[in-house]
Amino acid sequence: MASARLNVVDEFMGYLKDPESAIAVAVIKVLTGVIQHSEASTMMEMESALQDAASQLKAAAAANSPADNKNIATHSTSAQSLSSISVTAGCQLFLRYVTRCFLEFDDFDQCKSQLIDRGKLFAETSSTSRKRIVDFGHNFVRDGMVVLTHGASRVVTKVLLQAAKSKHFSVVVTEGRPNGAGYKTAELLSNAGIPTTVIVDAAMGYYMERVSMVIVGAEGVVENGGIVNKVGTFSCAMIAHAMKKPFYVAAESYKFARLYPLNQHDFPHSRRTDESVVSMLAPSCTCDPELVLPSHPLLTAGSPACDYTPPQYISLLFTDLGVLTPSAVSDELIKLYQ
């Protein structure tokens, strides 16, 4: 069993070495592989094996320390941070389909074959999901706009790159402390000829008055239409709301999760040790190379990976299912999981 556990997590981390691989898609590839290699002879045994694999993936995500993790491609949604909520969403979606498939097919071998085919198809169509989002989202960017984005999101970057093919605008990118996720986004955009300014996260309020719109990605979209994303997103959304700036979210439907957070602690978090936080607060992402956190028994470092942004701060969500209001998310979740 220990070997099986290691293989599931290692395979998952291997998929994430691809910079284009989304966490939820990697989850589904791993679970599809579990079905392919399973020696189960009944649906109950198969479901048990999948539940065990899903538990391993969730535990690996929850215990992940970004500072120690060298396997995740830098330009992922959380830039070297393994998102617990993305893992949870991927597991929920696939396991729900497994249950539905078990009810539809009486023959075990036929059901197994169907699950493998659908798992492979899902992974193949994930890139199509991003293309649909780009097609919807780039139309919201107009000539002369100043667009602000926070962190590193593949789909947001693609939206902006597509918009730049026919429009002239500039982008403000937050640096995305503590791991500097925004630097990679800024590099990609500036290399494509888009005027880009990198700002410290604390300057969002200062720059917001000159911003035309905000667009961010999401690690998870929850039942009420709110999102879980890189820490600082909630602050960004509140500032945009106060200054009456549209706040858009670009997210694939496989990130929709059956979660209903009531506060900032009521969703799956990656646990970080003080040591990993201190290492990310090192000079590589600071303006002052002499700035180092002093050591003291009463001094601790705190840096959550994500925060929760309630739906009232979100204008629209660009998804592969269409452009949705936050209130429409619950309806789409019902369709996905029914």
C-alpha atoms as a PDB file:
ATOM      1  CA  MET A   1       0.000   0.000   0.000  1.00  0.00           C
ATOM      2  CA  ALA A   2       2.867   2.403   0.794  1.00  0.00           C
ATOM      3  CA  SER A   3       4.269   1.861  -2.708  1.00  0.00           C
ATOM      4  CA  ALA A   4       0.849   2.528  -4.247  1.00  0.00           C
ATOM      5  CA  ARG A   5       0.514   5.723  -2.224  1.00  0.00           C
ATOM      6  CA  LEU A   6       3.923   6.924  -3.383  1.00  0.00           C
ATOM      7  CA  ASN A   7       3.136   6.128  -7.013  1.00  0.00           C
ATOM      8  CA  VAL A   8      -0.164   8.034  -7.018  1.00  0.00           C
ATOM      9  CA  VAL A   9       1.368  11.196  -5.569  1.00  0.00           C
ATOM     10  CA  ASP A  10       4.536  10.924  -7.674  1.00  0.00           C
ATOM     11  CA  GLU A  11       2.511  10.479 -10.840  1.00  0.00           C
ATOM     12  CA  PHE A  12       0.433  13.519  -9.926  1.00  0.00           C
ATOM     13  CA  MET A  13       3.521  15.659  -9.310  1.00  0.00           C
ATOM     14  CA  GLY A  14       4.969  14.419 -12.577  1.00  0.00           C
ATOM     15  CA  TYR A  15       1.981  15.725 -14.540  1.00  0.00           C
ATOM     16  CA  LEU A  16       2.393  19.131 -12.889  1.00  0.00           C
ATOM     17  CA  LYS A  17       5.883  19.529 -14.333  1.00  0.00           C
ATOM     18  CA  ASP A  18       4.118  20.507 -17.559  1.00  0.00           C
ATOM     19  CA  PRO A  19       3.490  24.293 -17.339  1.00  0.00           C
ATOM     20  CA  GLU A  20       0.218  23.854 -19.241  1.00  0.00           C
ATOM     21  CA  SER A  21      -1.142  21.162 -16.923  1.00  0.00           C
ATOM     22  CA  ALA A  22      -3.942  22.317 -14.634  1.00  0.00           C
ATOM     23  CA  ILE A  23      -4.110  20.741 -11.171  1.00  0.00           C
ATOM     24  CA  ALA A  24      -7.667  19.421 -11.619  1.00  0.00           C
ATOM     25  CA  VAL A  25      -6.723  17.865 -14.974  1.00  0.00           C
ATOM     26  CA  ALA A  26      -3.669  16.201 -13.396  1.00  0.00           C
ATOM     27  CA  VAL A  27      -5.991  14.774 -10.724  1.00  0.00           C
ATOM     28  CA  ILE A  28      -8.286  13.260 -13.347  1.00  0.00           C
ATOM     29  CA  LYS A  29      -5.334  11.802 -15.279  1.00  0.00           C
ATOM     30  CA  VAL A  30      -4.104  10.124 -12.095  1.00  0.00           C
ATOM     31  CA  LEU A  31      -7.543   8.736 -11.198  1.00  0.00           C
ATOM     32  CA  THR A  32      -7.976   7.486 -14.768  1.00  0.00           C
ATOM     33  CA  GLY A  33      -4.634   5.704 -14.390  1.00  0.00           C
ATOM     34  CA  VAL A  34      -5.844   4.111 -11.150  1.00  0.00           C
ATOM     35  CA  ILE A  35      -8.786   2.624 -13.066  1.00  0.00           C
ATOM     36  CA  GLN A  36      -6.530   1.387 -15.880  1.00  0.00           C
ATOM     37  CA  HIS A  37      -4.138  -0.407 -13.531  1.00  0.00           C
ATOM     38  CA  SER A  38      -6.665  -1.568 -10.967  1.00  0.00           C
ATOM     39  CA  GLU A  39      -7.195  -5.278 -10.434  1.00  0.00           C
ATOM     40  CA  ALA A  40     -10.638  -4.662  -8.962  1.00  0.00           C
ATOM     41  CA  SER A  41     -13.314  -7.042 -10.157  1.00  0.00           C
ATOM     42  CA  THR A  42     -16.348  -5.248  -8.745  1.00  0.00           C
ATOM     43  CA  MET A  43     -17.638  -1.690  -8.807  1.00  0.00           C
ATOM     44  CA  MET A  44     -17.376  -1.473  -5.027  1.00  0.00           C
ATOM     45  CA  GLU A  45     -13.688  -2.424  -5.108  1.00  0.00           C
ATOM     46  CA  MET A  46     -13.048   0.100  -7.889  1.00  0.00           C
ATOM     47  CA  GLU A  47     -14.785   2.886  -6.006  1.00  0.00           C
ATOM     48  CA  SER A  48     -12.791   2.061  -2.877  1.00  0.00           C
ATOM     49  CA  ALA A  49      -9.503   2.244  -4.821  1.00  0.00           C
ATOM     50  CA  LEU A  50     -10.492   5.620  -6.300  1.00  0.00           C
ATOM     51  CA  GLN A  51     -11.561   7.007  -2.928  1.00  0.00           C
ATOM     52  CA  ASP A  52      -8.227   5.921  -1.464  1.00  0.00           C
ATOM     53  CA  ALA A  53      -6.290   7.578  -4.311  1.00  0.00           C
ATOM     54  CA  ALA A  54      -8.359  10.757  -3.947  1.00  0.00           C
ATOM     55  CA  SER A  55      -7.626  10.837  -0.208  1.00  0.00           C
ATOM     56  CA  GLN A  56      -3.906  10.507  -0.916  1.00  0.00           C
ATOM     57  CA  LEU A  57      -3.986  13.426  -3.362  1.00  0.00           C
ATOM     58  CA  LYS A  58      -5.951  15.639  -0.953  1.00  0.00           C
ATOM     59  CA  ALA A  59      -3.560  14.793   1.882  1.00  0.00           C
ATOM     60  CA  ALA A  60      -0.544  15.592  -0.310  1.00  0.00           C
ATOM     61  CA  ALA A  61      -2.076  18.944  -1.252  1.00  0.00           C
ATOM     62  CA  ALA A  62      -2.983  19.811   2.337  1.00  0.00           C
ATOM     63  CA  ALA A  63       0.506  18.949   3.613  1.00  0.00           C
ATOM     64  CA  ASN A  64       2.341  20.561   0.713  1.00  0.00           C
ATOM     65  CA  SER A  65       5.031  23.106   1.529  1.00  0.00           C
ATOM     66  CA  PRO A  66       5.615  25.381  -1.477  1.00  0.00           C
ATOM     67  CA  ALA A  67       9.167  26.141  -0.488  1.00  0.00           C
ATOM     68  CA  ASP A  68      10.095  22.466  -0.609  1.00  0.00           C
ATOM     69  CA  ASN A  69       8.194  21.655  -3.787  1.00  0.00           C
ATOM     70  CA  LYS A  70      10.363  21.756  -6.894  1.00  0.00           C
ATOM     71  CA  ASN A  71       8.063  19.755  -9.171  1.00  0.00           C
ATOM     72  CA  ILE A  72       5.301  22.230  -9.954  1.00  0.00           C
ATOM     73  CA  ALA A  73       5.766  24.434 -12.997  1.00  0.00           C
ATOM     74  CA  THR A  74       6.352  28.053 -12.000  1.00  0.00           C
ATOM     75  CA  HIS A  75       3.553  29.560 -14.075  1.00  0.00           C
ATOM     76  CA  SER A  76       0.744  27.665 -12.439  1.00  0.00           C
ATOM     77  CA  THR A  77      -2.234  29.357 -10.858  1.00  0.00           C
ATOM     78  CA  SER A  78      -0.493  29.626  -7.521  1.00  0.00           C
ATOM     79  CA  ALA A  79       3.077  29.556  -8.841  1.00  0.00           C
ATOM     80  CA  GLN A  80       4.752  26.728  -6.918  1.00  0.00           C
ATOM     81  CA  SER A  81       1.821  26.254  -4.581  1.00  0.00           C
ATOM     82  CA  LEU A  82      -0.217  23.089  -4.660  1.00  0.00           C
ATOM     83  CA  SER A  83      -3.861  24.109  -4.360  1.00  0.00           C
ATOM     84  CA  SER A  84      -5.964  21.986  -2.026  1.00  0.00           C
ATOM     85  CA  ILE A  85      -9.191  23.340  -3.469  1.00  0.00           C
ATOM     86  CA  SER A  86      -8.214  22.502  -7.072  1.00  0.00           C
ATOM     87  CA  VAL A  87      -7.407  18.948  -5.985  1.00  0.00           C
ATOM     88  CA  THR A  88     -10.720  18.733  -4.133  1.00  0.00           C
ATOM     89  CA  ALA A  89     -12.678  20.013  -7.155  1.00  0.00           C
ATOM     90  CA  GLY A  90     -11.000  17.538  -9.518  1.00  0.00           C
ATOM     91  CA  CYS A  91     -11.636  14.606  -7.174  1.00  0.00           C
ATOM     92  CA  GLN A  92     -15.274  15.579  -6.596  1.00  0.00           C
ATOM     93  CA  LEU A  93     -16.016  15.958 -10.296  1.00  0.00           C
ATOM     94  CA  PHE A  94     -14.443  12.654 -11.322  1.00  0.00           C
ATOM     95  CA  LEU A  95     -15.870  10.619  -8.435  1.00  0.00           C
ATOM     96  CA  ARG A  96     -19.335  11.989  -9.165  1.00  0.00           C
ATOM     97  CA  TYR A  97     -19.009  10.812 -12.757  1.00  0.00           C
ATOM     98  CA  VAL A  98     -17.816   7.390 -11.545  1.00  0.00           C
ATOM     99  CA  THR A  99     -20.934   7.031  -9.375  1.00  0.00           C
ATOM    100  CA  ARG A 100     -23.147   8.021 -12.295  1.00  0.00           C
ATOM    101  CA  CYS A 101     -21.392   5.556 -14.587  1.00  0.00           C
ATOM    102  CA  PHE A 102     -21.867   2.723 -12.082  1.00  0.00           C
ATOM    103  CA  LEU A 103     -25.616   3.402 -12.127  1.00  0.00           C
ATOM    104  CA  GLU A 104     -25.792   3.428 -15.942  1.00  0.00           C
ATOM    105  CA  PHE A 105     -23.878   0.219 -16.683  1.00  0.00           C
ATOM    106  CA  ASP A 106     -24.587  -3.218 -15.287  1.00  0.00           C
ATOM    107  CA  ASP A 107     -21.494  -4.753 -16.873  1.00  0.00           C
ATOM    108  CA  PHE A 108     -18.340  -3.964 -14.875  1.00  0.00           C
ATOM    109  CA  ASP A 109     -15.883  -4.250 -17.795  1.00  0.00           C
ATOM    110  CA  GLN A 110     -18.022  -1.980 -19.957  1.00  0.00           C
ATOM    111  CA  CYS A 111     -18.232   0.579 -17.145  1.00  0.00           C
ATOM    112  CA  LYS A 112     -14.464   0.461 -16.612  1.00  0.00           C
ATOM    113  CA  SER A 113     -13.810   0.997 -20.307  1.00  0.00           C
ATOM    114  CA  GLN A 114     -16.223   3.939 -20.383  1.00  0.00           C
ATOM    115  CA  LEU A 115     -14.550   5.577 -17.383  1.00  0.00           C
ATOM    116  CA  ILE A 116     -11.095   5.281 -18.965  1.00  0.00           C
ATOM    117  CA  ASP A 117     -12.303   6.747 -22.269  1.00  0.00           C
ATOM    118  CA  ARG A 118     -14.085   9.650 -20.585  1.00  0.00           C
ATOM    119  CA  GLY A 119     -11.103  10.385 -18.346  1.00  0.00           C
ATOM    120  CA  LYS A 120      -8.776  10.605 -21.347  1.00  0.00           C
ATOM    121  CA  LEU A 121     -11.288  12.733 -23.259  1.00  0.00           C
ATOM    122  CA  PHE A 122     -11.601  15.147 -20.351  1.00  0.00           C
ATOM    123  CA  ALA A 123      -7.837  15.662 -20.214  1.00  0.00           C
ATOM    124  CA  GLU A 124      -7.681  16.242 -23.967  1.00  0.00           C
ATOM    125  CA  THR A 125     -10.452  18.841 -23.956  1.00  0.00           C
ATOM    126  CA  SER A 126      -9.027  20.904 -21.076  1.00  0.00           C
ATOM    127  CA  SER A 127      -7.105  23.095 -23.524  1.00  0.00           C
ATOM    128  CA  THR A 128     -10.360  23.666 -25.418  1.00  0.00           C
ATOM    129  CA  SER A 129     -11.876  24.990 -22.197  1.00  0.00           C
ATOM    130  CA  ARG A 130      -9.220  27.672 -22.000  1.00  0.00           C
ATOM    131  CA  LYS A 131      -9.744  28.612 -25.644  1.00  0.00           C
ATOM    132  CA  ARG A 132     -13.458  29.156 -25.003  1.00  0.00           C
ATOM    133  CA  ILE A 133     -12.675  31.380 -22.037  1.00  0.00           C
ATOM    134  CA  VAL A 134     -10.221  33.387 -24.136  1.00  0.00           C
ATOM    135  CA  ASP A 135     -12.868  33.833 -26.837  1.00  0.00           C
ATOM    136  CA  PHE A 136     -15.314  35.219 -24.266  1.00  0.00           C
ATOM    137  CA  GLY A 137     -12.897  37.214 -22.151  1.00  0.00           C
ATOM    138  CA  HIS A 138     -10.757  39.131 -24.629  1.00  0.00           C
ATOM    139  CA  ASN A 139     -13.789  41.107 -25.857  1.00  0.00           C
ATOM    140  CA  PHE A 140     -14.020  42.829 -22.473  1.00  0.00           C
ATOM    141  CA  VAL A 141     -10.593  44.416 -22.967  1.00  0.00           C
ATOM    142  CA  ARG A 142     -10.830  47.664 -24.959  1.00  0.00           C
ATOM    143  CA  ASP A 143      -8.364  50.073 -26.540  1.00  0.00           C
ATOM    144  CA  GLY A 144      -6.735  52.422 -24.060  1.00  0.00           C
ATOM    145  CA  MET A 145      -7.678  50.399 -20.990  1.00  0.00           C
ATOM    146  CA  VAL A 146      -5.479  49.823 -17.973  1.00  0.00           C
ATOM    147  CA  VAL A 147      -5.987  46.240 -16.765  1.00  0.00           C
ATOM    148  CA  LEU A 148      -4.899  45.047 -13.329  1.00  0.00           C
ATOM    149  CA  THR A 149      -4.215  41.388 -12.565  1.00  0.00           C
ATOM    150  CA  HIS A 150      -3.032  39.638  -9.416  1.00  0.00           C
ATOM    151  CA  GLY A 151      -0.787  36.585  -9.296  1.00  0.00           C
ATOM    152  CA  ALA A 152      -0.129  34.132 -12.126  1.00  0.00           C
ATOM    153  CA  SER A 153      -2.996  32.587 -14.082  1.00  0.00           C
ATOM    154  CA  ARG A 154      -2.480  30.765 -17.369  1.00  0.00           C
ATOM    155  CA  VAL A 155      -5.969  31.522 -18.612  1.00  0.00           C
ATOM    156  CA  VAL A 156      -5.803  35.231 -17.683  1.00  0.00           C
ATOM    157  CA  THR A 157      -2.467  35.524 -19.484  1.00  0.00           C
ATOM    158  CA  LYS A 158      -3.989  33.916 -22.585  1.00  0.00           C
ATOM    159  CA  VAL A 159      -6.969  36.312 -22.446  1.00  0.00           C
ATOM    160  CA  LEU A 160      -4.651  39.328 -22.352  1.00  0.00           C
ATOM    161  CA  LEU A 161      -2.359  37.984 -25.072  1.00  0.00           C
ATOM    162  CA  GLN A 162      -5.357  37.405 -27.335  1.00  0.00           C
ATOM    163  CA  ALA A 163      -6.704  40.905 -26.653  1.00  0.00           C
ATOM    164  CA  ALA A 164      -3.304  42.405 -27.508  1.00  0.00           C
ATOM    165  CA  LYS A 165      -3.561  41.060 -31.062  1.00  0.00           C
ATOM    166  CA  SER A 166      -6.159  43.678 -31.949  1.00  0.00           C
ATOM    167  CA  LYS A 167      -6.068  46.302 -29.160  1.00  0.00           C
ATOM    168  CA  HIS A 168      -3.610  48.591 -27.420  1.00  0.00           C
ATOM    169  CA  PHE A 169      -3.797  48.601 -23.622  1.00  0.00           C
ATOM    170  CA  SER A 170      -1.497  48.396 -20.620  1.00  0.00           C
ATOM    171  CA  VAL A 171      -1.396  46.005 -17.678  1.00  0.00           C
ATOM    172  CA  VAL A 172      -0.608  46.476 -13.997  1.00  0.00           C
ATOM    173  CA  VAL A 173       0.594  43.266 -12.352  1.00  0.00           C
ATOM    174  CA  THR A 174       0.970  42.820  -8.604  1.00  0.00           C
ATOM    175  CA  GLU A 175       4.192  41.084  -7.650  1.00  0.00           C
ATOM    176  CA  GLY A 176       2.228  38.397  -5.795  1.00  0.00           C
ATOM    177  CA  ARG A 177       4.029  38.028  -2.499  1.00  0.00           C
ATOM    178  CA  PRO A 178       5.390  35.956  -0.918  1.00  0.00           C
ATOM    179  CA  ASN A 179       6.516  33.881  -3.931  1.00  0.00           C
ATOM    180  CA  GLY A 180       6.614  36.602  -6.594  1.00  0.00           C
ATOM    181  CA  ALA A 181       4.040  34.887  -8.828  1.00  0.00           C
ATOM    182  CA  GLY A 182       3.374  38.110 -10.740  1.00  0.00           C
ATOM    183  CA  TYR A 183       6.901  38.413 -12.105  1.00  0.00           C
ATOM    184  CA  LYS A 184       6.403  35.531 -14.527  1.00  0.00           C
ATOM    185  CA  THR A 185       3.107  37.020 -15.733  1.00  0.00           C
ATOM    186  CA  ALA A 186       4.771  40.398 -16.257  1.00  0.00           C
ATOM    187  CA  GLU A 187       7.585  38.767 -18.225  1.00  0.00           C
ATOM    188  CA  LEU A 188       5.188  36.941 -20.543  1.00  0.00           C
ATOM    189  CA  LEU A 189       3.068  40.042 -21.179  1.00  0.00           C
ATOM    190  CA  SER A 190       5.967  42.430 -21.739  1.00  0.00           C
ATOM    191  CA  ASN A 191       7.661  39.950 -24.091  1.00  0.00           C
ATOM    192  CA  ALA A 192       4.449  40.026 -26.147  1.00  0.00           C
ATOM    193  CA  GLY A 193       4.711  43.811 -26.497  1.00  0.00           C
ATOM    194  CA  ILE A 194       2.150  44.773 -23.830  1.00  0.00           C
ATOM    195  CA  PRO A 195       3.203  47.753 -21.657  1.00  0.00           C
ATOM    196  CA  THR A 196       3.363  46.224 -18.169  1.00  0.00           C
ATOM    197  CA  THR A 197       3.999  47.667 -14.729  1.00  0.00           C
ATOM    198  CA  VAL A 198       4.831  45.489 -11.713  1.00  0.00           C
ATOM    199  CA  ILE A 199       3.670  46.898  -8.383  1.00  0.00           C
ATOM    200  CA  VAL A 200       3.965  45.777  -4.773  1.00  0.00           C
ATOM    201  CA  ASP A 201       0.764  44.170  -3.514  1.00  0.00           C
ATOM    202  CA  ALA A 202       0.247  46.939  -0.980  1.00  0.00           C
ATOM    203  CA  ALA A 203      -0.008  49.504  -3.825  1.00  0.00           C
ATOM    204  CA  MET A 204      -3.259  48.069  -5.248  1.00  0.00           C
ATOM    205  CA  GLY A 205      -5.313  50.870  -3.734  1.00  0.00           C
ATOM    206  CA  TYR A 206      -2.929  53.525  -5.033  1.00  0.00           C
ATOM    207  CA  TYR A 207      -3.090  52.242  -8.618  1.00  0.00           C
ATOM    208  CA  MET A 208      -6.766  51.213  -8.652  1.00  0.00           C
ATOM    209  CA  GLU A 209      -8.056  54.714  -9.396  1.00  0.00           C
ATOM    210  CA  ARG A 210      -6.359  54.635 -12.822  1.00  0.00           C
ATOM    211  CA  VAL A 211      -7.381  51.028 -13.577  1.00  0.00           C
ATOM    212  CA  SER A 212     -10.229  50.280 -16.022  1.00  0.00           C
ATOM    213  CA  MET A 213     -10.879  46.670 -15.008  1.00  0.00           C
ATOM    214  CA  VAL A 214      -9.460  43.847 -12.884  1.00  0.00           C
ATOM    215  CA  ILE A 215      -9.152  40.254 -14.077  1.00  0.00           C
ATOM    216  CA  VAL A 216      -7.866  37.333 -12.009  1.00  0.00           C
ATOM    217  CA  GLY A 217      -7.834  33.561 -12.200  1.00  0.00           C
ATOM    218  CA  ALA A 218      -9.173  31.172  -9.572  1.00  0.00           C
ATOM    219  CA  GLU A 219      -7.999  28.028  -7.878  1.00  0.00           C
ATOM    220  CA  GLY A 220     -11.598  27.151  -7.132  1.00  0.00           C
ATOM    221  CA  VAL A 221     -15.089  28.515  -7.758  1.00  0.00           C
ATOM    222  CA  VAL A 222     -17.451  27.700  -4.885  1.00  0.00           C
ATOM    223  CA  GLU A 223     -21.196  27.114  -4.771  1.00  0.00           C
ATOM    224  CA  ASN A 224     -22.277  30.679  -4.079  1.00  0.00           C
ATOM    225  CA  GLY A 225     -20.237  32.085  -6.980  1.00  0.00           C
ATOM    226  CA  GLY A 226     -17.326  33.233  -4.827  1.00  0.00           C
ATOM    227  CA  ILE A 227     -13.761  32.185  -5.543  1.00  0.00           C
ATOM    228  CA  VAL A 228     -10.716  30.879  -3.732  1.00  0.00           C
ATOM    229  CA  ASN A 229      -7.516  32.257  -5.203  1.00  0.00           C
ATOM    230  CA  LYS A 230      -4.026  33.478  -4.362  1.00  0.00           C
ATOM    231  CA  VAL A 231      -3.886  35.433  -1.128  1.00  0.00           C
ATOM    232  CA  GLY A 232      -4.496  39.107  -1.808  1.00  0.00           C
ATOM    233  CA  THR A 233      -7.338  38.494  -4.258  1.00  0.00           C
ATOM    234  CA  PHE A 234      -9.955  39.354  -1.610  1.00  0.00           C
ATOM    235  CA  SER A 235      -8.198  42.653  -0.855  1.00  0.00           C
ATOM    236  CA  CYS A 236      -7.978  43.414  -4.572  1.00  0.00           C
ATOM    237  CA  ALA A 237     -11.693  42.705  -5.048  1.00  0.00           C
ATOM    238  CA  MET A 238     -12.720  44.896  -2.120  1.00  0.00           C
ATOM    239  CA  ILE A 239     -10.631  47.803  -3.393  1.00  0.00           C
ATOM    240  CA  ALA A 240     -12.068  47.409  -6.903  1.00  0.00           C
ATOM    241  CA  HIS A 241     -15.597  47.293  -5.469  1.00  0.00           C
ATOM    242  CA  ALA A 242     -15.015  50.437  -3.392  1.00  0.00           C
ATOM    243  CA  MET A 243     -13.752  52.287  -6.465  1.00  0.00           C
ATOM    244  CA  LYS A 244     -16.521  50.896  -8.707  1.00  0.00           C
ATOM    245  CA  LYS A 245     -14.157  49.020 -11.020  1.00  0.00           C
ATOM    246  CA  PRO A 246     -15.362  45.801 -12.689  1.00  0.00           C
ATOM    247  CA  PHE A 247     -13.781  42.696 -11.185  1.00  0.00           C
ATOM    248  CA  TYR A 248     -13.715  39.700 -13.546  1.00  0.00           C
ATOM    249  CA  VAL A 249     -12.695  36.097 -12.913  1.00  0.00           C
ATOM    250  CA  ALA A 250     -11.472  33.668 -15.581  1.00  0.00           C
ATOM    251  CA  ALA A 251     -11.841  30.014 -14.550  1.00  0.00           C
ATOM    252  CA  GLU A 252     -12.473  26.631 -16.135  1.00  0.00           C
ATOM    253  CA  SER A 253     -15.618  24.762 -15.130  1.00  0.00           C
ATOM    254  CA  TYR A 254     -13.572  21.848 -13.766  1.00  0.00           C
ATOM    255  CA  LYS A 255     -12.570  24.223 -10.960  1.00  0.00           C
ATOM    256  CA  PHE A 256     -16.178  24.461  -9.752  1.00  0.00           C
ATOM    257  CA  ALA A 257     -16.231  22.891  -6.294  1.00  0.00           C
ATOM    258  CA  ARG A 258     -19.088  21.809  -4.047  1.00  0.00           C
ATOM    259  CA  LEU A 259     -17.920  23.983  -1.202  1.00  0.00           C
ATOM    260  CA  TYR A 260     -19.675  26.813   0.602  1.00  0.00           C
ATOM    261  CA  PRO A 261     -17.121  28.771   2.678  1.00  0.00           C
ATOM    262  CA  LEU A 262     -18.533  30.834   5.518  1.00  0.00           C
ATOM    263  CA  ASN A 263     -15.289  32.635   6.281  1.00  0.00           C
ATOM    264  CA  GLN A 264     -11.581  32.761   5.426  1.00  0.00           C
ATOM    265  CA  HIS A 265     -10.841  29.520   7.279  1.00  0.00           C
ATOM    266  CA  ASP A 266     -13.739  27.466   5.948  1.00  0.00           C
ATOM    267  CA  PHE A 267     -12.143  25.891   2.862  1.00  0.00           C
ATOM    268  CA  PRO A 268      -9.239  23.476   2.173  1.00  0.00           C
ATOM    269  CA  HIS A 269      -5.901  25.165   2.896  1.00  0.00           C
ATOM    270  CA  SER A 270      -2.343  24.168   2.156  1.00  0.00           C
ATOM    271  CA  ARG A 271      -0.483  24.044   5.456  1.00  0.00           C
ATOM    272  CA  ARG A 272       2.740  26.058   5.552  1.00  0.00           C
ATOM    273  CA  THR A 273       5.421  25.835   8.173  1.00  0.00           C
ATOM    274  CA  ASP A 274       6.975  28.956   9.622  1.00  0.00           C
ATOM    275  CA  GLU A 275      10.260  27.907   7.989  1.00  0.00           C
ATOM    276  CA  SER A 276       8.720  27.739   4.498  1.00  0.00           C
ATOM    277  CA  VAL A 277       7.075  31.130   4.950  1.00  0.00           C
ATOM    278  CA  VAL A 278      10.305  32.715   6.166  1.00  0.00           C
ATOM    279  CA  SER A 279      12.194  31.294   3.182  1.00  0.00           C
ATOM    280  CA  MET A 280       9.650  32.868   0.810  1.00  0.00           C
ATOM    281  CA  LEU A 281      10.019  36.183   2.635  1.00  0.00           C
ATOM    282  CA  ALA A 282      13.690  36.076   1.718  1.00  0.00           C
ATOM    283  CA  PRO A 283      15.315  38.899  -0.281  1.00  0.00           C
ATOM    284  CA  SER A 284      14.493  37.459  -3.747  1.00  0.00           C
ATOM    285  CA  CYS A 285      11.031  39.039  -3.705  1.00  0.00           C
ATOM    286  CA  THR A 286      11.700  42.168  -1.680  1.00  0.00           C
ATOM    287  CA  CYS A 287      12.558  45.681  -2.780  1.00  0.00           C
ATOM    288  CA  ASP A 288      15.260  45.930  -0.104  1.00  0.00           C
ATOM    289  CA  PRO A 289      17.849  43.114  -0.208  1.00  0.00           C
ATOM    290  CA  GLU A 290      18.832  43.969   3.372  1.00  0.00           C
ATOM    291  CA  LEU A 291      15.328  43.303   4.654  1.00  0.00           C
ATOM    292  CA  VAL A 292      15.378  40.005   6.552  1.00  0.00           C
ATOM    293  CA  LEU A 293      12.850  38.781   9.109  1.00  0.00           C
ATOM    294  CA  PRO A 294      14.585  38.814  12.516  1.00  0.00           C
ATOM    295  CA  SER A 295      14.553  35.747  14.720  1.00  0.00           C
ATOM    296  CA  HIS A 296      12.684  35.982  18.021  1.00  0.00           C
ATOM    297  CA  PRO A 297      10.725  33.411  20.073  1.00  0.00           C
ATOM    298  CA  LEU A 298       7.639  35.673  20.067  1.00  0.00           C
ATOM    299  CA  LEU A 299       7.846  36.468  16.347  1.00  0.00           C
ATOM    300  CA  THR A 300       6.161  34.205  13.793  1.00  0.00           C
ATOM    301  CA  ALA A 301       5.593  34.568  10.055  1.00  0.00           C
ATOM    302  CA  GLY A 302       2.132  34.118   8.590  1.00  0.00           C
ATOM    303  CA  SER A 303       1.292  33.794   4.913  1.00  0.00           C
ATOM    304  CA  PRO A 304      -1.773  31.794   3.810  1.00  0.00           C
ATOM    305  CA  ALA A 305      -1.623  30.463   0.268  1.00  0.00           C
ATOM    306  CA  CYS A 306      -5.162  31.531  -0.642  1.00  0.00           C
ATOM    307  CA  ASP A 307      -8.084  33.632   0.448  1.00  0.00           C
ATOM    308  CA  TYR A 308     -11.816  33.555  -0.234  1.00  0.00           C
ATOM    309  CA  THR A 309     -13.534  36.318  -2.232  1.00  0.00           C
ATOM    310  CA  PRO A 310     -17.331  36.441  -1.679  1.00  0.00           C
ATOM    311  CA  PRO A 311     -19.594  36.714  -4.755  1.00  0.00           C
ATOM    312  CA  GLN A 312     -20.784  40.279  -4.071  1.00  0.00           C
ATOM    313  CA  TYR A 313     -17.322  41.563  -5.078  1.00  0.00           C
ATOM    314  CA  ILE A 314     -17.296  39.727  -8.431  1.00  0.00           C
ATOM    315  CA  SER A 315     -18.812  41.305 -11.557  1.00  0.00           C
ATOM    316  CA  LEU A 316     -18.695  38.338 -13.959  1.00  0.00           C
ATOM    317  CA  LEU A 317     -16.972  34.986 -14.409  1.00  0.00           C
ATOM    318  CA  PHE A 318     -15.528  34.020 -17.797  1.00  0.00           C
ATOM    319  CA  THR A 319     -15.857  30.224 -18.068  1.00  0.00           C
ATOM    320  CA  ASP A 320     -15.939  27.591 -20.791  1.00  0.00           C
ATOM    321  CA  LEU A 321     -19.683  27.353 -20.074  1.00  0.00           C
ATOM    322  CA  GLY A 322     -20.135  31.025 -20.959  1.00  0.00           C
ATOM    323  CA  VAL A 323     -20.000  34.382 -19.206  1.00  0.00           C
ATOM    324  CA  LEU A 324     -21.726  33.866 -15.862  1.00  0.00           C
ATOM    325  CA  THR A 325     -22.892  36.020 -13.015  1.00  0.00           C
ATOM    326  CA  PRO A 326     -21.877  34.683  -9.592  1.00  0.00           C
ATOM    327  CA  SER A 327     -25.502  33.702  -8.904  1.00  0.00           C
ATOM    328  CA  ALA A 328     -25.505  31.452 -11.993  1.00  0.00           C
ATOM    329  CA  VAL A 329     -22.658  29.301 -10.686  1.00  0.00           C
ATOM    330  CA  SER A 330     -24.900  27.234  -8.404  1.00  0.00           C
ATOM    331  CA  ASP A 331     -27.109  26.318 -11.380  1.00  0.00           C
ATOM    332  CA  GLU A 332     -24.083  25.177 -13.388  1.00  0.00           C
ATOM    333  CA  LEU A 333     -22.806  23.149 -10.430  1.00  0.00           C
ATOM    334  CA  ILE A 334     -26.135  21.339 -10.250  1.00  0.00           C
ATOM    335  CA  LYS A 335     -25.811  20.442 -13.948  1.00  0.00           C
ATOM    336  CA  LEU A 336     -22.216  19.261 -13.504  1.00  0.00           C
ATOM    337  CA  TYR A 337     -22.966  17.025 -10.528  1.00  0.00           C
ATOM    338  CA  GLN A 338     -26.502  15.822 -11.252  1.00  0.00           C
END
